[in-house]
Amino acid sequence: MNTYAARTAYRQVVFTRTLGSTIKTHKVQLRILSGSTSARSTVTLDAVMVTR
């Protein structure tokens, strides 16, 4: 998923997923893919929200 933006955008949801009620554990991974240019190599994770 490419989340590049020419301008800063605040409070943007870039991914959402609804899981079934039978799933008891979850794993979230944030990966920086190789091939990123030095100008676009910064990743900031602002928040993760889990609701039940």
PDB file of N, CA and C in Angstrom:
ATOM      1  N   MET A   1       0.852  -1.163   0.000  1.00  0.00           N
ATOM      2  CA  MET A   1       0.000   0.000   0.000  1.00  0.00           C
ATOM      3  C   MET A   1       0.900   1.229   0.000  1.00  0.00           C
ATOM      4  N   ASN A   2       0.718   2.112  -0.934  1.00  0.00           N
ATOM      5  CA  ASN A   2       1.480   3.349  -1.002  1.00  0.00           C
ATOM      6  C   ASN A   2       0.671   4.454  -0.357  1.00  0.00           C
ATOM      7  N   THR A   3       1.188   5.049   0.705  1.00  0.00           N
ATOM      8  CA  THR A   3       0.473   6.112   1.407  1.00  0.00           C
ATOM      9  C   THR A   3       1.109   7.473   1.185  1.00  0.00           C
ATOM     10  N   TYR A   4       1.888   7.601   0.124  1.00  0.00           N
ATOM     11  CA  TYR A   4       2.538   8.880  -0.180  1.00  0.00           C
ATOM     12  C   TYR A   4       1.484   9.957  -0.431  1.00  0.00           C
ATOM     13  N   ALA A   5       1.751  11.156   0.084  1.00  0.00           N
ATOM     14  CA  ALA A   5       0.882  12.311  -0.169  1.00  0.00           C
ATOM     15  C   ALA A   5       1.771  13.531  -0.336  1.00  0.00           C
ATOM     16  N   ALA A   6       1.471  14.378  -1.300  1.00  0.00           N
ATOM     17  CA  ALA A   6       2.256  15.579  -1.553  1.00  0.00           C
ATOM     18  C   ALA A   6       2.102  16.593  -0.419  1.00  0.00           C
ATOM     19  N   ARG A   7       0.984  16.552   0.270  1.00  0.00           N
ATOM     20  CA  ARG A   7       0.734  17.471   1.380  1.00  0.00           C
ATOM     21  C   ARG A   7       0.408  16.681   2.637  1.00  0.00           C
ATOM     22  N   THR A   8       0.659  17.306   3.779  1.00  0.00           N
ATOM     23  CA  THR A   8       0.347  16.668   5.058  1.00  0.00           C
ATOM     24  C   THR A   8      -1.165  16.557   5.224  1.00  0.00           C
ATOM     25  N   ALA A   9      -1.607  15.389   5.629  1.00  0.00           N
ATOM     26  CA  ALA A   9      -3.030  15.162   5.886  1.00  0.00           C
ATOM     27  C   ALA A   9      -3.154  14.576   7.289  1.00  0.00           C
ATOM     28  N   TYR A  10      -3.929  15.218   8.130  1.00  0.00           N
ATOM     29  CA  TYR A  10      -4.082  14.780   9.513  1.00  0.00           C
ATOM     30  C   TYR A  10      -5.315  13.899   9.672  1.00  0.00           C
ATOM     31  N   ARG A  11      -5.225  13.004  10.641  1.00  0.00           N
ATOM     32  CA  ARG A  11      -6.346  12.130  11.016  1.00  0.00           C
ATOM     33  C   ARG A  11      -6.920  11.349   9.836  1.00  0.00           C
ATOM     34  N   GLN A  12      -6.043  10.739   9.083  1.00  0.00           N
ATOM     35  CA  GLN A  12      -6.449   9.937   7.940  1.00  0.00           C
ATOM     36  C   GLN A  12      -6.399   8.462   8.324  1.00  0.00           C
ATOM     37  N   VAL A  13      -7.481   7.763   8.126  1.00  0.00           N
ATOM     38  CA  VAL A  13      -7.506   6.321   8.343  1.00  0.00           C
ATOM     39  C   VAL A  13      -6.985   5.682   7.065  1.00  0.00           C
ATOM     40  N   VAL A  14      -5.909   4.910   7.170  1.00  0.00           N
ATOM     41  CA  VAL A  14      -5.340   4.291   5.983  1.00  0.00           C
ATOM     42  C   VAL A  14      -5.604   2.791   5.915  1.00  0.00           C
ATOM     43  N   PHE A  15      -6.076   2.215   7.014  1.00  0.00           N
ATOM     44  CA  PHE A  15      -6.391   0.786   6.999  1.00  0.00           C
ATOM     45  C   PHE A  15      -7.401   0.497   8.093  1.00  0.00           C
ATOM     46  N   THR A  16      -8.366  -0.311   7.785  1.00  0.00           N
ATOM     47  CA  THR A  16      -9.331  -0.761   8.785  1.00  0.00           C
ATOM     48  C   THR A  16      -9.691  -2.212   8.484  1.00  0.00           C
ATOM     49  N   ARG A  17      -9.958  -2.953   9.520  1.00  0.00           N
ATOM     50  CA  ARG A  17     -10.305  -4.366   9.337  1.00  0.00           C
ATOM     51  C   ARG A  17     -11.273  -4.781  10.419  1.00  0.00           C
ATOM     52  N   THR A  18     -12.333  -5.454  10.063  1.00  0.00           N
ATOM     53  CA  THR A  18     -13.285  -6.005  11.020  1.00  0.00           C
ATOM     54  C   THR A  18     -13.041  -7.506  11.111  1.00  0.00           C
ATOM     55  N   LEU A  19     -12.797  -7.985  12.321  1.00  0.00           N
ATOM     56  CA  LEU A  19     -12.521  -9.400  12.542  1.00  0.00           C
ATOM     57  C   LEU A  19     -13.737 -10.071  13.151  1.00  0.00           C
ATOM     58  N   GLY A  20     -13.866 -11.334  12.898  1.00  0.00           N
ATOM     59  CA  GLY A  20     -14.974 -12.089  13.473  1.00  0.00           C
ATOM     60  C   GLY A  20     -14.843 -12.219  14.982  1.00  0.00           C
ATOM     61  N   SER A  21     -15.920 -12.494  15.653  1.00  0.00           N
ATOM     62  CA  SER A  21     -15.930 -12.575  17.113  1.00  0.00           C
ATOM     63  C   SER A  21     -15.266 -13.844  17.642  1.00  0.00           C
ATOM     64  N   THR A  22     -14.978 -14.818  16.788  1.00  0.00           N
ATOM     65  CA  THR A  22     -14.358 -16.059  17.255  1.00  0.00           C
ATOM     66  C   THR A  22     -12.843 -15.956  17.332  1.00  0.00           C
ATOM     67  N   ILE A  23     -12.237 -14.913  16.774  1.00  0.00           N
ATOM     68  CA  ILE A  23     -10.789 -14.739  16.806  1.00  0.00           C
ATOM     69  C   ILE A  23     -10.390 -14.184  18.184  1.00  0.00           C
ATOM     70  N   LYS A  24      -9.446 -14.844  18.838  1.00  0.00           N
ATOM     71  CA  LYS A  24      -9.060 -14.457  20.200  1.00  0.00           C
ATOM     72  C   LYS A  24      -7.754 -13.660  20.249  1.00  0.00           C
ATOM     73  N   THR A  25      -6.843 -13.860  19.293  1.00  0.00           N
ATOM     74  CA  THR A  25      -5.569 -13.136  19.295  1.00  0.00           C
ATOM     75  C   THR A  25      -5.391 -12.429  17.952  1.00  0.00           C
ATOM     76  N   HIS A  26      -4.614 -11.357  17.984  1.00  0.00           N
ATOM     77  CA  HIS A  26      -4.368 -10.564  16.785  1.00  0.00           C
ATOM     78  C   HIS A  26      -2.890 -10.201  16.728  1.00  0.00           C
ATOM     79  N   LYS A  27      -2.359 -10.057  15.534  1.00  0.00           N
ATOM     80  CA  LYS A  27      -0.985  -9.604  15.353  1.00  0.00           C
ATOM     81  C   LYS A  27      -0.994  -8.513  14.292  1.00  0.00           C
ATOM     82  N   VAL A  28      -0.331  -7.403  14.612  1.00  0.00           N
ATOM     83  CA  VAL A  28      -0.220  -6.284  13.684  1.00  0.00           C
ATOM     84  C   VAL A  28       1.254  -6.073  13.397  1.00  0.00           C
ATOM     85  N   GLN A  29       1.614  -5.965  12.118  1.00  0.00           N
ATOM     86  CA  GLN A  29       2.999  -5.711  11.734  1.00  0.00           C
ATOM     87  C   GLN A  29       3.053  -4.463  10.876  1.00  0.00           C
ATOM     88  N   LEU A  30       4.015  -3.595  11.159  1.00  0.00           N
ATOM     89  CA  LEU A  30       4.291  -2.430  10.328  1.00  0.00           C
ATOM     90  C   LEU A  30       5.642  -2.678   9.689  1.00  0.00           C
ATOM     91  N   ARG A  31       5.683  -2.791   8.367  1.00  0.00           N
ATOM     92  CA  ARG A  31       6.919  -3.108   7.661  1.00  0.00           C
ATOM     93  C   ARG A  31       7.311  -1.971   6.729  1.00  0.00           C
ATOM     94  N   ILE A  32       8.589  -1.658   6.730  1.00  0.00           N
ATOM     95  CA  ILE A  32       9.146  -0.700   5.793  1.00  0.00           C
ATOM     96  C   ILE A  32       9.743  -1.522   4.655  1.00  0.00           C
ATOM     97  N   LEU A  33       9.203  -1.366   3.479  1.00  0.00           N
ATOM     98  CA  LEU A  33       9.629  -2.180   2.347  1.00  0.00           C
ATOM     99  C   LEU A  33      10.917  -1.649   1.752  1.00  0.00           C
ATOM    100  N   SER A  34      11.753  -2.556   1.289  1.00  0.00           N
ATOM    101  CA  SER A  34      12.984  -2.139   0.629  1.00  0.00           C
ATOM    102  C   SER A  34      12.636  -1.454  -0.687  1.00  0.00           C
ATOM    103  N   GLY A  35      13.524  -0.618  -1.147  1.00  0.00           N
ATOM    104  CA  GLY A  35      13.275   0.111  -2.382  1.00  0.00           C
ATOM    105  C   GLY A  35      12.728   1.502  -2.153  1.00  0.00           C
ATOM    106  N   SER A  36      12.497   1.871  -0.897  1.00  0.00           N
ATOM    107  CA  SER A  36      12.038   3.224  -0.597  1.00  0.00           C
ATOM    108  C   SER A  36      13.181   4.196  -0.851  1.00  0.00           C
ATOM    109  N   THR A  37      12.865   5.364  -1.357  1.00  0.00           N
ATOM    110  CA  THR A  37      13.890   6.380  -1.568  1.00  0.00           C
ATOM    111  C   THR A  37      14.186   7.076  -0.246  1.00  0.00           C
ATOM    112  N   SER A  38      15.346   7.709  -0.142  1.00  0.00           N
ATOM    113  CA  SER A  38      15.710   8.369   1.109  1.00  0.00           C
ATOM    114  C   SER A  38      14.746   9.501   1.441  1.00  0.00           C
ATOM    115  N   ALA A  39      14.155  10.130   0.439  1.00  0.00           N
ATOM    116  CA  ALA A  39      13.196  11.205   0.681  1.00  0.00           C
ATOM    117  C   ALA A  39      11.877  10.687   1.229  1.00  0.00           C
ATOM    118  N   ARG A  40      11.606   9.395   1.053  1.00  0.00           N
ATOM    119  CA  ARG A  40      10.332   8.822   1.489  1.00  0.00           C
ATOM    120  C   ARG A  40      10.551   7.650   2.431  1.00  0.00           C
ATOM    121  N   SER A  41      11.583   7.718   3.254  1.00  0.00           N
ATOM    122  CA  SER A  41      11.905   6.565   4.096  1.00  0.00           C
ATOM    123  C   SER A  41      11.423   6.711   5.531  1.00  0.00           C
ATOM    124  N   THR A  42      10.729   7.788   5.875  1.00  0.00           N
ATOM    125  CA  THR A  42      10.248   7.978   7.235  1.00  0.00           C
ATOM    126  C   THR A  42       8.822   7.460   7.365  1.00  0.00           C
ATOM    127  N   VAL A  43       8.597   6.660   8.384  1.00  0.00           N
ATOM    128  CA  VAL A  43       7.261   6.144   8.662  1.00  0.00           C
ATOM    129  C   VAL A  43       6.910   6.516  10.090  1.00  0.00           C
ATOM    130  N   THR A  44       5.750   7.110  10.280  1.00  0.00           N
ATOM    131  CA  THR A  44       5.283   7.475  11.604  1.00  0.00           C
ATOM    132  C   THR A  44       3.957   6.774  11.859  1.00  0.00           C
ATOM    133  N   LEU A  45       3.901   6.009  12.922  1.00  0.00           N
ATOM    134  CA  LEU A  45       2.664   5.363  13.330  1.00  0.00           C
ATOM    135  C   LEU A  45       2.090   6.184  14.469  1.00  0.00           C
ATOM    136  N   ASP A  46       0.982   6.826  14.220  1.00  0.00           N
ATOM    137  CA  ASP A  46       0.399   7.743  15.198  1.00  0.00           C
ATOM    138  C   ASP A  46      -0.475   7.023  16.215  1.00  0.00           C
ATOM    139  N   ALA A  47      -1.237   6.051  15.773  1.00  0.00           N
ATOM    140  CA  ALA A  47      -2.156   5.407  16.703  1.00  0.00           C
ATOM    141  C   ALA A  47      -2.635   4.068  16.165  1.00  0.00           C
ATOM    142  N   VAL A  48      -2.986   3.217  17.088  1.00  0.00           N
ATOM    143  CA  VAL A  48      -3.657   1.949  16.782  1.00  0.00           C
ATOM    144  C   VAL A  48      -4.844   1.871  17.711  1.00  0.00           C
ATOM    145  N   MET A  49      -6.023   1.632  17.173  1.00  0.00           N
ATOM    146  CA  MET A  49      -7.207   1.551  18.002  1.00  0.00           C
ATOM    147  C   MET A  49      -7.827   0.167  17.841  1.00  0.00           C
ATOM    148  N   VAL A  50      -8.023  -0.499  18.953  1.00  0.00           N
ATOM    149  CA  VAL A  50      -8.672  -1.809  18.968  1.00  0.00           C
ATOM    150  C   VAL A  50      -9.934  -1.696  19.796  1.00  0.00           C
ATOM    151  N   THR A  51     -11.042  -2.070  19.227  1.00  0.00           N
ATOM    152  CA  THR A  51     -12.306  -2.053  19.956  1.00  0.00           C
ATOM    153  C   THR A  51     -12.906  -3.443  19.953  1.00  0.00           C
ATOM    154  N   ARG A  52     -13.678  -3.729  20.941  1.00  0.00           N
ATOM    155  CA  ARG A  52     -14.324  -5.045  21.034  1.00  0.00           C
ATOM    156  C   ARG A  52     -15.808  -4.863  21.091  1.00  0.00           C
TER     157      ARG A  52
END
